[in-house]
Protein backbone atom coordinates (compact mmCIF):
# COMPACT_ATOMS: atom_id res chain seq x y z
CA MET A 1 -0.36 0.25 0.24
CA ALA A 2 1.79 3.44 -1.06
CA LEU A 3 1.57 6.51 1.00
CA GLN A 4 0.43 8.38 -2.18
CA CYS A 5 -3.02 10.81 -2.61
CA GLN A 6 -4.56 8.40 -5.59
CA MET A 7 -6.01 11.76 -6.78
CA CYS A 8 -2.54 14.67 -6.70
CA GLY A 9 -0.50 11.91 -6.04
CA LYS A 10 1.11 13.31 -3.16
CA GLY A 11 3.76 11.46 -1.97
CA VAL A 12 6.17 10.71 1.00
CA GLY A 13 8.90 13.89 1.83
CA ARG A 14 12.51 12.88 2.60
CA GLY A 15 14.78 15.01 3.95
CA HIS A 16 16.91 16.06 7.40
CA LYS A 17 16.15 16.75 10.86
CA ILE A 18 19.24 18.47 12.34
CA SER A 19 19.04 19.18 15.88
CA HIS A 20 20.62 21.62 17.60
CA ALA A 21 24.36 20.50 17.37
CA HIS A 22 23.90 19.88 14.11
CA ASN A 23 23.30 16.06 14.53
CA VAL A 24 21.35 15.55 10.63
CA SER A 25 19.12 12.00 10.77
CA ARG A 26 17.60 11.03 8.37
CA ARG A 27 14.17 11.25 7.74
CA VAL A 28 10.69 10.87 6.48
CA TRP A 29 6.84 13.71 5.94
CA LYS A 30 4.17 11.42 5.50
CA PRO A 31 0.37 12.92 4.09
CA ASN A 32 -1.99 12.97 5.49
CA LEU A 33 -4.07 9.98 3.82
CA GLN A 34 -7.65 8.64 4.18
CA ARG A 35 -9.34 6.59 3.42
CA VAL A 36 -12.76 7.74 1.79
CA ARG A 37 -16.19 6.41 -0.37
CA ALA A 38 -15.57 8.06 -3.95
CA THR A 39 -17.81 8.68 -6.30
CA ILE A 40 -15.08 7.63 -9.71
CA GLN A 41 -16.03 7.85 -13.09
CA GLY A 42 -20.14 7.22 -11.89
CA ARG A 43 -18.30 5.14 -9.74
CA THR A 44 -18.44 4.23 -5.98
CA LYS A 45 -15.32 3.16 -4.58
CA HIS A 46 -12.70 3.42 -1.57
CA VAL A 47 -10.25 5.47 -2.50
CA ARG A 48 -6.84 6.86 -0.66
CA VAL A 49 -6.75 11.19 -0.46
CA CYS A 50 -4.87 13.35 0.90
CA THR A 51 -6.63 15.63 3.23
CA ARG A 52 -6.12 18.34 0.70
CA CYS A 53 -8.29 16.75 -2.01
CA LEU A 54 -11.31 16.00 -0.18
CA ARG A 55 -10.65 20.52 0.75
CA SER A 56 -10.97 21.56 -2.01
CA ASN A 57 -13.74 19.34 -3.27
CA ARG A 58 -11.32 16.85 -5.66
CA VAL A 59 -13.37 14.16 -4.09
CA GLN A 60 -17.14 14.03 -4.83
CA LYS A 61 -17.99 11.39 -1.46
CA ALA A 62 -20.15 9.07 -2.13
CA PRO A 63 -23.77 9.31 0.14
CA SER A 64 -23.61 6.95 3.39
CA VAL A 65 -25.33 3.91 2.06
CA ARG A 66 -26.87 1.55 5.30
CA LEU A 67 -27.38 -1.44 3.94
CA GLY A 68 -29.80 -4.54 5.72
CA ARG A 69 -31.35 -1.74 7.71
CA PRO A 70 -34.98 0.19 6.12
CA ALA A 71 -35.36 3.87 6.29
CA ARG A 72 -37.44 4.47 9.87
CA PRO A 73 -40.72 5.96 9.24
CA LYS A 74 -40.72 9.87 10.86
CA ALA A 75 -43.45 9.89 13.92
CA SER A 76 -46.59 11.47 13.07
CA ALA A 77 -47.42 13.52 16.20
């Protein structure tokens, strides 16, 4: 499972952690990926997208559906 957004392609950033004493060690910056149900080309599927794509509406989230449970009728008062 790649740490990459399936919409924009944002992936892992690599660099160095540098301490105050200038000790250098390698580190990674991981993207904030969320697994969401999205409508893509008219079909609903699970995708891993970054939060920036969710926030900017690049991904159309699919409506939530409850399976196996009929809708409750509204009680009239």
